[in-house]
Amino acid sequence: MKYLVLIYGNADEFWTGSEQDLANLRDLMTFKDELALTGELVSAEGLSFPSDAKFVQVRDDQRVVTDGPFGEAKEQLAGFFLIDVADDQRAEEVAGRVSALVGDRVELRGTLVSAEDYLA
């Protein structure tokens, strides 16, 4: 079963470059490698800052691109882990570990069904 672990943070505070930040990043990359070895990792990436985001929308058959961020929220999406694990319990274990490593709560979402299931 696939799950997405979403990591949020305050862009102004998320990365200070401190020794603690570097240690946390090393630990997070070690955990990423562990998940890859077990076959549970589909993908994991950090994202660029919200100020680098672009929003793309089609209006009247024309593509409109605007600079981000869209929201004024303090917490912005900072990265993700896409995992494929046996059950909810394992997904919660992985999310808990990511939460501990980034020092904040994370959002865990399971996938509902694949597009292929709808088209079958």
PDB file of N, CA and C in Angstrom:
ATOM      1  N   MET A   1       0.829  -1.160   0.000  1.00  0.00           N
ATOM      2  CA  MET A   1       0.000   0.000   0.000  1.00  0.00           C
ATOM      3  C   MET A   1       0.891   1.245   0.000  1.00  0.00           C
ATOM      4  N   LYS A   2       0.569   2.203  -0.840  1.00  0.00           N
ATOM      5  CA  LYS A   2       1.397   3.406  -0.944  1.00  0.00           C
ATOM      6  C   LYS A   2       0.861   4.515  -0.043  1.00  0.00           C
ATOM      7  N   TYR A   3       1.816   5.248   0.527  1.00  0.00           N
ATOM      8  CA  TYR A   3       1.521   6.374   1.412  1.00  0.00           C
ATOM      9  C   TYR A   3       2.470   7.512   1.075  1.00  0.00           C
ATOM     10  N   LEU A   4       1.989   8.723   1.314  1.00  0.00           N
ATOM     11  CA  LEU A   4       2.816   9.903   1.151  1.00  0.00           C
ATOM     12  C   LEU A   4       3.011  10.540   2.522  1.00  0.00           C
ATOM     13  N   VAL A   5       4.262  10.713   2.896  1.00  0.00           N
ATOM     14  CA  VAL A   5       4.614  11.399   4.136  1.00  0.00           C
ATOM     15  C   VAL A   5       5.038  12.813   3.738  1.00  0.00           C
ATOM     16  N   LEU A   6       4.221  13.795   4.109  1.00  0.00           N
ATOM     17  CA  LEU A   6       4.476  15.183   3.736  1.00  0.00           C
ATOM     18  C   LEU A   6       5.152  15.913   4.890  1.00  0.00           C
ATOM     19  N   ILE A   7       6.259  16.553   4.583  1.00  0.00           N
ATOM     20  CA  ILE A   7       7.039  17.284   5.584  1.00  0.00           C
ATOM     21  C   ILE A   7       6.779  18.773   5.388  1.00  0.00           C
ATOM     22  N   TYR A   8       6.336  19.427   6.441  1.00  0.00           N
ATOM     23  CA  TYR A   8       6.076  20.861   6.391  1.00  0.00           C
ATOM     24  C   TYR A   8       7.064  21.596   7.279  1.00  0.00           C
ATOM     25  N   GLY A   9       7.287  22.850   6.979  1.00  0.00           N
ATOM     26  CA  GLY A   9       8.143  23.660   7.823  1.00  0.00           C
ATOM     27  C   GLY A   9       8.017  25.120   7.475  1.00  0.00           C
ATOM     28  N   ASN A  10       8.503  25.944   8.369  1.00  0.00           N
ATOM     29  CA  ASN A  10       8.560  27.373   8.140  1.00  0.00           C
ATOM     30  C   ASN A  10       9.806  27.626   7.303  1.00  0.00           C
ATOM     31  N   ALA A  11       9.629  28.148   6.110  1.00  0.00           N
ATOM     32  CA  ALA A  11      10.750  28.345   5.186  1.00  0.00           C
ATOM     33  C   ALA A  11      11.839  29.229   5.795  1.00  0.00           C
ATOM     34  N   ASP A  12      11.469  30.153   6.665  1.00  0.00           N
ATOM     35  CA  ASP A  12      12.448  31.037   7.286  1.00  0.00           C
ATOM     36  C   ASP A  12      13.242  30.356   8.390  1.00  0.00           C
ATOM     37  N   GLU A  13      12.703  29.257   8.919  1.00  0.00           N
ATOM     38  CA  GLU A  13      13.347  28.593  10.056  1.00  0.00           C
ATOM     39  C   GLU A  13      13.770  27.159   9.761  1.00  0.00           C
ATOM     40  N   PHE A  14      13.309  26.604   8.630  1.00  0.00           N
ATOM     41  CA  PHE A  14      13.506  25.182   8.387  1.00  0.00           C
ATOM     42  C   PHE A  14      14.974  24.810   8.243  1.00  0.00           C
ATOM     43  N   TRP A  15      15.742  25.630   7.566  1.00  0.00           N
ATOM     44  CA  TRP A  15      17.151  25.303   7.360  1.00  0.00           C
ATOM     45  C   TRP A  15      18.004  26.493   7.763  1.00  0.00           C
ATOM     46  N   THR A  16      18.746  26.328   8.842  1.00  0.00           N
ATOM     47  CA  THR A  16      19.631  27.395   9.296  1.00  0.00           C
ATOM     48  C   THR A  16      21.090  27.096   8.963  1.00  0.00           C
ATOM     49  N   GLY A  17      21.378  25.838   8.596  1.00  0.00           N
ATOM     50  CA  GLY A  17      22.756  25.462   8.305  1.00  0.00           C
ATOM     51  C   GLY A  17      23.560  25.133   9.542  1.00  0.00           C
ATOM     52  N   SER A  18      22.891  25.035  10.685  1.00  0.00           N
ATOM     53  CA  SER A  18      23.581  24.737  11.935  1.00  0.00           C
ATOM     54  C   SER A  18      24.091  23.301  11.952  1.00  0.00           C
ATOM     55  N   GLU A  19      24.949  23.016  12.909  1.00  0.00           N
ATOM     56  CA  GLU A  19      25.444  21.641  13.071  1.00  0.00           C
ATOM     57  C   GLU A  19      24.288  20.676  13.319  1.00  0.00           C
ATOM     58  N   GLN A  20      23.290  21.124  14.094  1.00  0.00           N
ATOM     59  CA  GLN A  20      22.123  20.272  14.356  1.00  0.00           C
ATOM     60  C   GLN A  20      21.350  19.997  13.067  1.00  0.00           C
ATOM     61  N   ASP A  21      21.168  21.020  12.229  1.00  0.00           N
ATOM     62  CA  ASP A  21      20.496  20.825  10.939  1.00  0.00           C
ATOM     63  C   ASP A  21      21.247  19.811  10.086  1.00  0.00           C
ATOM     64  N   LEU A  22      22.555  19.926  10.046  1.00  0.00           N
ATOM     65  CA  LEU A  22      23.371  18.995   9.251  1.00  0.00           C
ATOM     66  C   LEU A  22      23.265  17.572   9.799  1.00  0.00           C
ATOM     67  N   ALA A  23      23.274  17.433  11.118  1.00  0.00           N
ATOM     68  CA  ALA A  23      23.137  16.108  11.732  1.00  0.00           C
ATOM     69  C   ALA A  23      21.767  15.513  11.415  1.00  0.00           C
ATOM     70  N   ASN A  24      20.713  16.333  11.513  1.00  0.00           N
ATOM     71  CA  ASN A  24      19.365  15.858  11.200  1.00  0.00           C
ATOM     72  C   ASN A  24      19.259  15.436   9.739  1.00  0.00           C
ATOM     73  N   LEU A  25      19.864  16.214   8.853  1.00  0.00           N
ATOM     74  CA  LEU A  25      19.833  15.877   7.429  1.00  0.00           C
ATOM     75  C   LEU A  25      20.569  14.570   7.160  1.00  0.00           C
ATOM     76  N   ARG A  26      21.711  14.379   7.801  1.00  0.00           N
ATOM     77  CA  ARG A  26      22.439  13.109   7.636  1.00  0.00           C
ATOM     78  C   ARG A  26      21.590  11.941   8.133  1.00  0.00           C
ATOM     79  N   ASP A  27      20.944  12.104   9.283  1.00  0.00           N
ATOM     80  CA  ASP A  27      20.098  11.045   9.826  1.00  0.00           C
ATOM     81  C   ASP A  27      18.906  10.762   8.907  1.00  0.00           C
ATOM     82  N   LEU A  28      18.333  11.803   8.335  1.00  0.00           N
ATOM     83  CA  LEU A  28      17.205  11.633   7.415  1.00  0.00           C
ATOM     84  C   LEU A  28      17.645  10.877   6.162  1.00  0.00           C
ATOM     85  N   MET A  29      18.828  11.192   5.646  1.00  0.00           N
ATOM     86  CA  MET A  29      19.338  10.500   4.455  1.00  0.00           C
ATOM     87  C   MET A  29      19.683   9.040   4.780  1.00  0.00           C
ATOM     88  N   THR A  30      20.162   8.788   5.984  1.00  0.00           N
ATOM     89  CA  THR A  30      20.421   7.403   6.403  1.00  0.00           C
ATOM     90  C   THR A  30      19.121   6.623   6.451  1.00  0.00           C
ATOM     91  N   PHE A  31      18.062   7.244   6.995  1.00  0.00           N
ATOM     92  CA  PHE A  31      16.757   6.577   7.049  1.00  0.00           C
ATOM     93  C   PHE A  31      16.224   6.339   5.640  1.00  0.00           C
ATOM     94  N   LYS A  32      16.398   7.294   4.754  1.00  0.00           N
ATOM     95  CA  LYS A  32      15.992   7.137   3.354  1.00  0.00           C
ATOM     96  C   LYS A  32      16.691   5.920   2.743  1.00  0.00           C
ATOM     97  N   ASP A  33      17.983   5.781   3.000  1.00  0.00           N
ATOM     98  CA  ASP A  33      18.743   4.625   2.497  1.00  0.00           C
ATOM     99  C   ASP A  33      18.224   3.314   3.084  1.00  0.00           C
ATOM    100  N   GLU A  34      17.864   3.326   4.376  1.00  0.00           N
ATOM    101  CA  GLU A  34      17.318   2.124   5.018  1.00  0.00           C
ATOM    102  C   GLU A  34      16.013   1.700   4.346  1.00  0.00           C
ATOM    103  N   LEU A  35      15.134   2.662   4.071  1.00  0.00           N
ATOM    104  CA  LEU A  35      13.867   2.350   3.403  1.00  0.00           C
ATOM    105  C   LEU A  35      14.101   1.829   1.989  1.00  0.00           C
ATOM    106  N   ALA A  36      15.104   2.363   1.320  1.00  0.00           N
ATOM    107  CA  ALA A  36      15.433   1.892  -0.029  1.00  0.00           C
ATOM    108  C   ALA A  36      15.904   0.441   0.022  1.00  0.00           C
ATOM    109  N   LEU A  37      16.700   0.095   1.007  1.00  0.00           N
ATOM    110  CA  LEU A  37      17.210  -1.275   1.133  1.00  0.00           C
ATOM    111  C   LEU A  37      16.094  -2.277   1.403  1.00  0.00           C
ATOM    112  N   THR A  38      15.059  -1.862   2.137  1.00  0.00           N
ATOM    113  CA  THR A  38      13.946  -2.775   2.424  1.00  0.00           C
ATOM    114  C   THR A  38      12.940  -2.828   1.275  1.00  0.00           C
ATOM    115  N   GLY A  39      13.117  -1.954   0.269  1.00  0.00           N
ATOM    116  CA  GLY A  39      12.184  -1.906  -0.853  1.00  0.00           C
ATOM    117  C   GLY A  39      10.928  -1.103  -0.563  1.00  0.00           C
ATOM    118  N   GLU A  40      10.904  -0.392   0.563  1.00  0.00           N
ATOM    119  CA  GLU A  40       9.712   0.360   0.948  1.00  0.00           C
ATOM    120  C   GLU A  40       9.713   1.792   0.404  1.00  0.00           C
ATOM    121  N   LEU A  41      10.853   2.274  -0.070  1.00  0.00           N
ATOM    122  CA  LEU A  41      10.947   3.642  -0.560  1.00  0.00           C
ATOM    123  C   LEU A  41      10.647   3.693  -2.049  1.00  0.00           C
ATOM    124  N   VAL A  42       9.684   4.514  -2.428  1.00  0.00           N
ATOM    125  CA  VAL A  42       9.409   4.766  -3.840  1.00  0.00           C
ATOM    126  C   VAL A  42      10.191   6.001  -4.264  1.00  0.00           C
ATOM    127  N   SER A  43      10.111   7.061  -3.458  1.00  0.00           N
ATOM    128  CA  SER A  43      10.826   8.301  -3.754  1.00  0.00           C
ATOM    129  C   SER A  43      10.842   9.171  -2.504  1.00  0.00           C
ATOM    130  N   ALA A  44      11.855  10.004  -2.379  1.00  0.00           N
ATOM    131  CA  ALA A  44      11.913  10.984  -1.285  1.00  0.00           C
ATOM    132  C   ALA A  44      12.746  12.158  -1.769  1.00  0.00           C
ATOM    133  N   GLU A  45      12.228  13.347  -1.570  1.00  0.00           N
ATOM    134  CA  GLU A  45      12.930  14.550  -2.019  1.00  0.00           C
ATOM    135  C   GLU A  45      12.608  15.712  -1.106  1.00  0.00           C
ATOM    136  N   GLY A  46      13.556  16.610  -1.006  1.00  0.00           N
ATOM    137  CA  GLY A  46      13.297  17.917  -0.430  1.00  0.00           C
ATOM    138  C   GLY A  46      12.858  18.825  -1.570  1.00  0.00           C
ATOM    139  N   LEU A  47      12.085  19.827  -1.251  1.00  0.00           N
ATOM    140  CA  LEU A  47      11.572  20.733  -2.274  1.00  0.00           C
ATOM    141  C   LEU A  47      12.252  22.094  -2.174  1.00  0.00           C
ATOM    142  N   SER A  48      12.288  22.806  -3.289  1.00  0.00           N
ATOM    143  CA  SER A  48      12.838  24.161  -3.278  1.00  0.00           C
ATOM    144  C   SER A  48      11.929  25.062  -2.446  1.00  0.00           C
ATOM    145  N   PHE A  49      12.402  26.238  -2.149  1.00  0.00           N
ATOM    146  CA  PHE A  49      11.636  27.160  -1.310  1.00  0.00           C
ATOM    147  C   PHE A  49      10.353  27.599  -2.007  1.00  0.00           C
ATOM    148  N   PRO A  50       9.305  27.894  -1.229  1.00  0.00           N
ATOM    149  CA  PRO A  50       8.031  28.324  -1.803  1.00  0.00           C
ATOM    150  C   PRO A  50       8.167  29.528  -2.731  1.00  0.00           C
ATOM    151  N   SER A  51       9.128  30.387  -2.473  1.00  0.00           N
ATOM    152  CA  SER A  51       9.313  31.564  -3.329  1.00  0.00           C
ATOM    153  C   SER A  51       9.733  31.180  -4.743  1.00  0.00           C
ATOM    154  N   ASP A  52      10.223  29.948  -4.927  1.00  0.00           N
ATOM    155  CA  ASP A  52      10.609  29.462  -6.255  1.00  0.00           C
ATOM    156  C   ASP A  52       9.458  28.769  -6.981  1.00  0.00           C
ATOM    157  N   ALA A  53       8.323  28.609  -6.298  1.00  0.00           N
ATOM    158  CA  ALA A  53       7.197  27.867  -6.874  1.00  0.00           C
ATOM    159  C   ALA A  53       6.527  28.649  -7.998  1.00  0.00           C
ATOM    160  N   LYS A  54       5.915  27.912  -8.887  1.00  0.00           N
ATOM    161  CA  LYS A  54       5.086  28.484  -9.941  1.00  0.00           C
ATOM    162  C   LYS A  54       3.766  27.735  -9.938  1.00  0.00           C
ATOM    163  N   PHE A  55       2.702  28.443 -10.208  1.00  0.00           N
ATOM    164  CA  PHE A  55       1.387  27.834 -10.315  1.00  0.00           C
ATOM    165  C   PHE A  55       0.976  27.863 -11.775  1.00  0.00           C
ATOM    166  N   VAL A  56       0.510  26.724 -12.246  1.00  0.00           N
ATOM    167  CA  VAL A  56       0.136  26.577 -13.646  1.00  0.00           C
ATOM    168  C   VAL A  56      -1.340  26.204 -13.706  1.00  0.00           C
ATOM    169  N   GLN A  57      -2.076  26.929 -14.518  1.00  0.00           N
ATOM    170  CA  GLN A  57      -3.501  26.673 -14.683  1.00  0.00           C
ATOM    171  C   GLN A  57      -3.879  26.950 -16.125  1.00  0.00           C
ATOM    172  N   VAL A  58      -4.796  26.157 -16.660  1.00  0.00           N
ATOM    173  CA  VAL A  58      -5.305  26.396 -18.002  1.00  0.00           C
ATOM    174  C   VAL A  58      -6.646  27.110 -17.870  1.00  0.00           C
ATOM    175  N   ARG A  59      -6.734  28.281 -18.507  1.00  0.00           N
ATOM    176  CA  ARG A  59      -7.973  29.068 -18.534  1.00  0.00           C
ATOM    177  C   ARG A  59      -8.282  29.386 -19.984  1.00  0.00           C
ATOM    178  N   ASP A  60      -9.480  29.040 -20.410  1.00  0.00           N
ATOM    179  CA  ASP A  60      -9.890  29.291 -21.799  1.00  0.00           C
ATOM    180  C   ASP A  60      -8.853  28.759 -22.786  1.00  0.00           C
ATOM    181  N   ASP A  61      -8.386  27.547 -22.523  1.00  0.00           N
ATOM    182  CA  ASP A  61      -7.400  26.862 -23.370  1.00  0.00           C
ATOM    183  C   ASP A  61      -6.044  27.560 -23.416  1.00  0.00           C
ATOM    184  N   GLN A  62      -5.776  28.457 -22.504  1.00  0.00           N
ATOM    185  CA  GLN A  62      -4.481  29.148 -22.429  1.00  0.00           C
ATOM    186  C   GLN A  62      -3.813  28.800 -21.101  1.00  0.00           C
ATOM    187  N   ARG A  63      -2.549  28.481 -21.165  1.00  0.00           N
ATOM    188  CA  ARG A  63      -1.793  28.186 -19.945  1.00  0.00           C
ATOM    189  C   ARG A  63      -1.394  29.501 -19.283  1.00  0.00           C
ATOM    190  N   VAL A  64      -1.718  29.612 -17.994  1.00  0.00           N
ATOM    191  CA  VAL A  64      -1.381  30.798 -17.210  1.00  0.00           C
ATOM    192  C   VAL A  64      -0.412  30.351 -16.115  1.00  0.00           C
ATOM    193  N   VAL A  65       0.753  30.999 -16.054  1.00  0.00           N
ATOM    194  CA  VAL A  65       1.766  30.663 -15.066  1.00  0.00           C
ATOM    195  C   VAL A  65       1.985  31.885 -14.173  1.00  0.00           C
ATOM    196  N   THR A  66       1.855  31.669 -12.859  1.00  0.00           N
ATOM    197  CA  THR A  66       2.099  32.748 -11.901  1.00  0.00           C
ATOM    198  C   THR A  66       3.118  32.289 -10.875  1.00  0.00           C
ATOM    199  N   ASP A  67       3.833  33.241 -10.332  1.00  0.00           N
ATOM    200  CA  ASP A  67       4.831  32.927  -9.320  1.00  0.00           C
ATOM    201  C   ASP A  67       4.165  32.635  -7.994  1.00  0.00           C
ATOM    202  N   GLY A  68       4.802  31.773  -7.191  1.00  0.00           N
ATOM    203  CA  GLY A  68       4.284  31.418  -5.874  1.00  0.00           C
ATOM    204  C   GLY A  68       5.002  32.215  -4.817  1.00  0.00           C
ATOM    205  N   PRO A  69       4.760  31.993  -3.554  1.00  0.00           N
ATOM    206  CA  PRO A  69       3.779  31.029  -3.074  1.00  0.00           C
ATOM    207  C   PRO A  69       2.366  31.596  -3.110  1.00  0.00           C
ATOM    208  N   PHE A  70       1.419  30.687  -3.209  1.00  0.00           N
ATOM    209  CA  PHE A  70       0.015  31.086  -3.286  1.00  0.00           C
ATOM    210  C   PHE A  70      -0.504  31.537  -1.932  1.00  0.00           C
ATOM    211  N   GLY A  71      -0.223  30.759  -0.908  1.00  0.00           N
ATOM    212  CA  GLY A  71      -0.773  31.039   0.420  1.00  0.00           C
ATOM    213  C   GLY A  71       0.177  31.861   1.266  1.00  0.00           C
ATOM    214  N   GLU A  72      -0.366  32.450   2.276  1.00  0.00           N
ATOM    215  CA  GLU A  72       0.423  33.232   3.225  1.00  0.00           C
ATOM    216  C   GLU A  72       0.711  32.428   4.491  1.00  0.00           C
ATOM    217  N   ALA A  73       0.541  31.133   4.420  1.00  0.00           N
ATOM    218  CA  ALA A  73       0.742  30.281   5.590  1.00  0.00           C
ATOM    219  C   ALA A  73       2.218  30.243   5.986  1.00  0.00           C
ATOM    220  N   LYS A  74       2.470  30.173   7.296  1.00  0.00           N
ATOM    221  CA  LYS A  74       3.844  30.041   7.768  1.00  0.00           C
ATOM    222  C   LYS A  74       4.420  28.688   7.380  1.00  0.00           C
ATOM    223  N   GLU A  75       3.599  27.654   7.516  1.00  0.00           N
ATOM    224  CA  GLU A  75       4.050  26.302   7.215  1.00  0.00           C
ATOM    225  C   GLU A  75       3.884  26.022   5.728  1.00  0.00           C
ATOM    226  N   GLN A  76       4.948  25.622   5.080  1.00  0.00           N
ATOM    227  CA  GLN A  76       4.925  25.306   3.652  1.00  0.00           C
ATOM    228  C   GLN A  76       5.446  23.886   3.455  1.00  0.00           C
ATOM    229  N   LEU A  77       5.047  23.261   2.371  1.00  0.00           N
ATOM    230  CA  LEU A  77       5.524  21.922   2.048  1.00  0.00           C
ATOM    231  C   LEU A  77       7.019  21.983   1.769  1.00  0.00           C
ATOM    232  N   ALA A  78       7.787  21.184   2.504  1.00  0.00           N
ATOM    233  CA  ALA A  78       9.244  21.228   2.404  1.00  0.00           C
ATOM    234  C   ALA A  78       9.830  19.983   1.743  1.00  0.00           C
ATOM    235  N   GLY A  79       9.112  18.861   1.786  1.00  0.00           N
ATOM    236  CA  GLY A  79       9.627  17.629   1.203  1.00  0.00           C
ATOM    237  C   GLY A  79       8.643  16.504   1.405  1.00  0.00           C
ATOM    238  N   PHE A  80       9.015  15.337   0.896  1.00  0.00           N
ATOM    239  CA  PHE A  80       8.105  14.199   0.991  1.00  0.00           C
ATOM    240  C   PHE A  80       8.869  12.883   0.923  1.00  0.00           C
ATOM    241  N   PHE A  81       8.217  11.852   1.428  1.00  0.00           N
ATOM    242  CA  PHE A  81       8.626  10.464   1.259  1.00  0.00           C
ATOM    243  C   PHE A  81       7.419   9.750   0.664  1.00  0.00           C
ATOM    244  N   LEU A  82       7.580   9.102  -0.465  1.00  0.00           N
ATOM    245  CA  LEU A  82       6.547   8.227  -1.014  1.00  0.00           C
ATOM    246  C   LEU A  82       6.996   6.812  -0.706  1.00  0.00           C
ATOM    247  N   ILE A  83       6.183   6.111   0.076  1.00  0.00           N
ATOM    248  CA  ILE A  83       6.567   4.778   0.540  1.00  0.00           C
ATOM    249  C   ILE A  83       5.528   3.755   0.098  1.00  0.00           C
ATOM    250  N   ASP A  84       5.953   2.521   0.008  1.00  0.00           N
ATOM    251  CA  ASP A  84       5.069   1.409  -0.325  1.00  0.00           C
ATOM    252  C   ASP A  84       5.299   0.349   0.745  1.00  0.00           C
ATOM    253  N   VAL A  85       4.390   0.296   1.711  1.00  0.00           N
ATOM    254  CA  VAL A  85       4.558  -0.565   2.881  1.00  0.00           C
ATOM    255  C   VAL A  85       3.372  -1.509   3.042  1.00  0.00           C
ATOM    256  N   ALA A  86       3.502  -2.450   3.938  1.00  0.00           N
ATOM    257  CA  ALA A  86       2.510  -3.516   4.095  1.00  0.00           C
ATOM    258  C   ALA A  86       1.167  -3.039   4.644  1.00  0.00           C
ATOM    259  N   ASP A  87       1.197  -2.077   5.580  1.00  0.00           N
ATOM    260  CA  ASP A  87      -0.061  -1.714   6.232  1.00  0.00           C
ATOM    261  C   ASP A  87       0.036  -0.351   6.907  1.00  0.00           C
ATOM    262  N   ASP A  88      -1.100   0.076   7.486  1.00  0.00           N
ATOM    263  CA  ASP A  88      -1.175   1.371   8.161  1.00  0.00           C
ATOM    264  C   ASP A  88      -0.165   1.479   9.297  1.00  0.00           C
ATOM    265  N   GLN A  89      -0.017   0.415  10.043  1.00  0.00           N
ATOM    266  CA  GLN A  89       0.891   0.444  11.189  1.00  0.00           C
ATOM    267  C   GLN A  89       2.316   0.758  10.749  1.00  0.00           C
ATOM    268  N   ARG A  90       2.779   0.093   9.692  1.00  0.00           N
ATOM    269  CA  ARG A  90       4.134   0.362   9.203  1.00  0.00           C
ATOM    270  C   ARG A  90       4.240   1.786   8.665  1.00  0.00           C
ATOM    271  N   ALA A  91       3.214   2.270   7.982  1.00  0.00           N
ATOM    272  CA  ALA A  91       3.218   3.645   7.471  1.00  0.00           C
ATOM    273  C   ALA A  91       3.342   4.637   8.620  1.00  0.00           C
ATOM    274  N   GLU A  92       2.625   4.378   9.711  1.00  0.00           N
ATOM    275  CA  GLU A  92       2.693   5.260  10.875  1.00  0.00           C
ATOM    276  C   GLU A  92       4.067   5.206  11.530  1.00  0.00           C
ATOM    277  N   GLU A  93       4.703   4.028  11.518  1.00  0.00           N
ATOM    278  CA  GLU A  93       6.056   3.907  12.058  1.00  0.00           C
ATOM    279  C   GLU A  93       7.027   4.760  11.242  1.00  0.00           C
ATOM    280  N   VAL A  94       6.925   4.658   9.916  1.00  0.00           N
ATOM    281  CA  VAL A  94       7.801   5.437   9.042  1.00  0.00           C
ATOM    282  C   VAL A  94       7.555   6.927   9.244  1.00  0.00           C
ATOM    283  N   ALA A  95       6.288   7.337   9.263  1.00  0.00           N
ATOM    284  CA  ALA A  95       5.956   8.747   9.458  1.00  0.00           C
ATOM    285  C   ALA A  95       6.465   9.249  10.811  1.00  0.00           C
ATOM    286  N   GLY A  96       6.357   8.416  11.833  1.00  0.00           N
ATOM    287  CA  GLY A  96       6.859   8.794  13.149  1.00  0.00           C
ATOM    288  C   GLY A  96       8.361   9.003  13.145  1.00  0.00           C
ATOM    289  N   ARG A  97       9.052   8.151  12.440  1.00  0.00           N
ATOM    290  CA  ARG A  97      10.516   8.294  12.352  1.00  0.00           C
ATOM    291  C   ARG A  97      10.885   9.567  11.610  1.00  0.00           C
ATOM    292  N   VAL A  98      10.192   9.842  10.502  1.00  0.00           N
ATOM    293  CA  VAL A  98      10.453  11.077   9.753  1.00  0.00           C
ATOM    294  C   VAL A  98      10.160  12.281  10.642  1.00  0.00           C
ATOM    295  N   SER A  99       9.054  12.247  11.369  1.00  0.00           N
ATOM    296  CA  SER A  99       8.695  13.337  12.270  1.00  0.00           C
ATOM    297  C   SER A  99       9.806  13.586  13.296  1.00  0.00           C
ATOM    298  N   ALA A 100      10.304  12.530  13.886  1.00  0.00           N
ATOM    299  CA  ALA A 100      11.364  12.667  14.880  1.00  0.00           C
ATOM    300  C   ALA A 100      12.626  13.263  14.253  1.00  0.00           C
ATOM    301  N   LEU A 101      12.928  12.869  13.024  1.00  0.00           N
ATOM    302  CA  LEU A 101      14.147  13.340  12.368  1.00  0.00           C
ATOM    303  C   LEU A 101      14.056  14.796  11.930  1.00  0.00           C
ATOM    304  N   VAL A 102      12.863  15.237  11.529  1.00  0.00           N
ATOM    305  CA  VAL A 102      12.722  16.640  11.107  1.00  0.00           C
ATOM    306  C   VAL A 102      12.325  17.546  12.272  1.00  0.00           C
ATOM    307  N   GLY A 103      11.960  16.954  13.409  1.00  0.00           N
ATOM    308  CA  GLY A 103      11.649  17.733  14.592  1.00  0.00           C
ATOM    309  C   GLY A 103      10.303  18.426  14.560  1.00  0.00           C
ATOM    310  N   ASP A 104       9.377  17.904  13.792  1.00  0.00           N
ATOM    311  CA  ASP A 104       8.044  18.488  13.719  1.00  0.00           C
ATOM    312  C   ASP A 104       7.088  17.413  13.237  1.00  0.00           C
ATOM    313  N   ARG A 105       5.803  17.707  13.287  1.00  0.00           N
ATOM    314  CA  ARG A 105       4.833  16.735  12.812  1.00  0.00           C
ATOM    315  C   ARG A 105       4.862  16.673  11.290  1.00  0.00           C
ATOM    316  N   VAL A 106       4.443  15.534  10.780  1.00  0.00           N
ATOM    317  CA  VAL A 106       4.332  15.337   9.342  1.00  0.00           C
ATOM    318  C   VAL A 106       2.915  14.869   9.043  1.00  0.00           C
ATOM    319  N   GLU A 107       2.523  14.979   7.798  1.00  0.00           N
ATOM    320  CA  GLU A 107       1.199  14.515   7.378  1.00  0.00           C
ATOM    321  C   GLU A 107       1.364  13.187   6.654  1.00  0.00           C
ATOM    322  N   LEU A 108       0.518  12.225   6.976  1.00  0.00           N
ATOM    323  CA  LEU A 108       0.543  10.909   6.351  1.00  0.00           C
ATOM    324  C   LEU A 108      -0.747  10.714   5.578  1.00  0.00           C
ATOM    325  N   ARG A 109      -0.623  10.403   4.296  1.00  0.00           N
ATOM    326  CA  ARG A 109      -1.803  10.144   3.470  1.00  0.00           C
ATOM    327  C   ARG A 109      -1.601   8.866   2.683  1.00  0.00           C
ATOM    328  N   GLY A 110      -2.608   8.018   2.740  1.00  0.00           N
ATOM    329  CA  GLY A 110      -2.600   6.815   1.930  1.00  0.00           C
ATOM    330  C   GLY A 110      -3.235   7.088   0.576  1.00  0.00           C
ATOM    331  N   THR A 111      -2.848   6.296  -0.404  1.00  0.00           N
ATOM    332  CA  THR A 111      -3.479   6.419  -1.706  1.00  0.00           C
ATOM    333  C   THR A 111      -4.790   5.653  -1.677  1.00  0.00           C
ATOM    334  N   LEU A 112      -5.754   6.110  -2.442  1.00  0.00           N
ATOM    335  CA  LEU A 112      -7.052   5.445  -2.478  1.00  0.00           C
ATOM    336  C   LEU A 112      -7.022   4.277  -3.447  1.00  0.00           C
ATOM    337  N   VAL A 113      -6.941   4.565  -4.700  1.00  0.00           N
ATOM    338  CA  VAL A 113      -6.830   3.547  -5.740  1.00  0.00           C
ATOM    339  C   VAL A 113      -6.030   4.135  -6.880  1.00  0.00           C
ATOM    340  N   SER A 114      -5.582   3.303  -7.772  1.00  0.00           N
ATOM    341  CA  SER A 114      -4.825   3.796  -8.924  1.00  0.00           C
ATOM    342  C   SER A 114      -5.782   4.188 -10.040  1.00  0.00           C
ATOM    343  N   ALA A 115      -5.296   4.990 -10.949  1.00  0.00           N
ATOM    344  CA  ALA A 115      -6.109   5.383 -12.106  1.00  0.00           C
ATOM    345  C   ALA A 115      -6.523   4.157 -12.913  1.00  0.00           C
ATOM    346  N   GLU A 116      -5.658   3.158 -12.941  1.00  0.00           N
ATOM    347  CA  GLU A 116      -5.963   1.927 -13.662  1.00  0.00           C
ATOM    348  C   GLU A 116      -7.217   1.254 -13.102  1.00  0.00           C
ATOM    349  N   ASP A 117      -7.408   1.346 -11.768  1.00  0.00           N
ATOM    350  CA  ASP A 117      -8.591   0.763 -11.154  1.00  0.00           C
ATOM    351  C   ASP A 117      -9.869   1.452 -11.645  1.00  0.00           C
ATOM    352  N   TYR A 118      -9.793   2.760 -11.861  1.00  0.00           N
ATOM    353  CA  TYR A 118     -10.947   3.500 -12.357  1.00  0.00           C
ATOM    354  C   TYR A 118     -11.231   3.163 -13.816  1.00  0.00           C
ATOM    355  N   LEU A 119     -10.188   2.940 -14.590  1.00  0.00           N
ATOM    356  CA  LEU A 119     -10.345   2.705 -16.024  1.00  0.00           C
ATOM    357  C   LEU A 119     -10.690   1.263 -16.376  1.00  0.00           C
ATOM    358  N   ALA A 120     -10.523   0.369 -15.412  1.00  0.00           N
ATOM    359  CA  ALA A 120     -10.767  -1.060 -15.687  1.00  0.00           C
ATOM    360  C   ALA A 120     -12.233  -1.378 -15.832  1.00  0.00           C
TER     361      ALA A 120
END
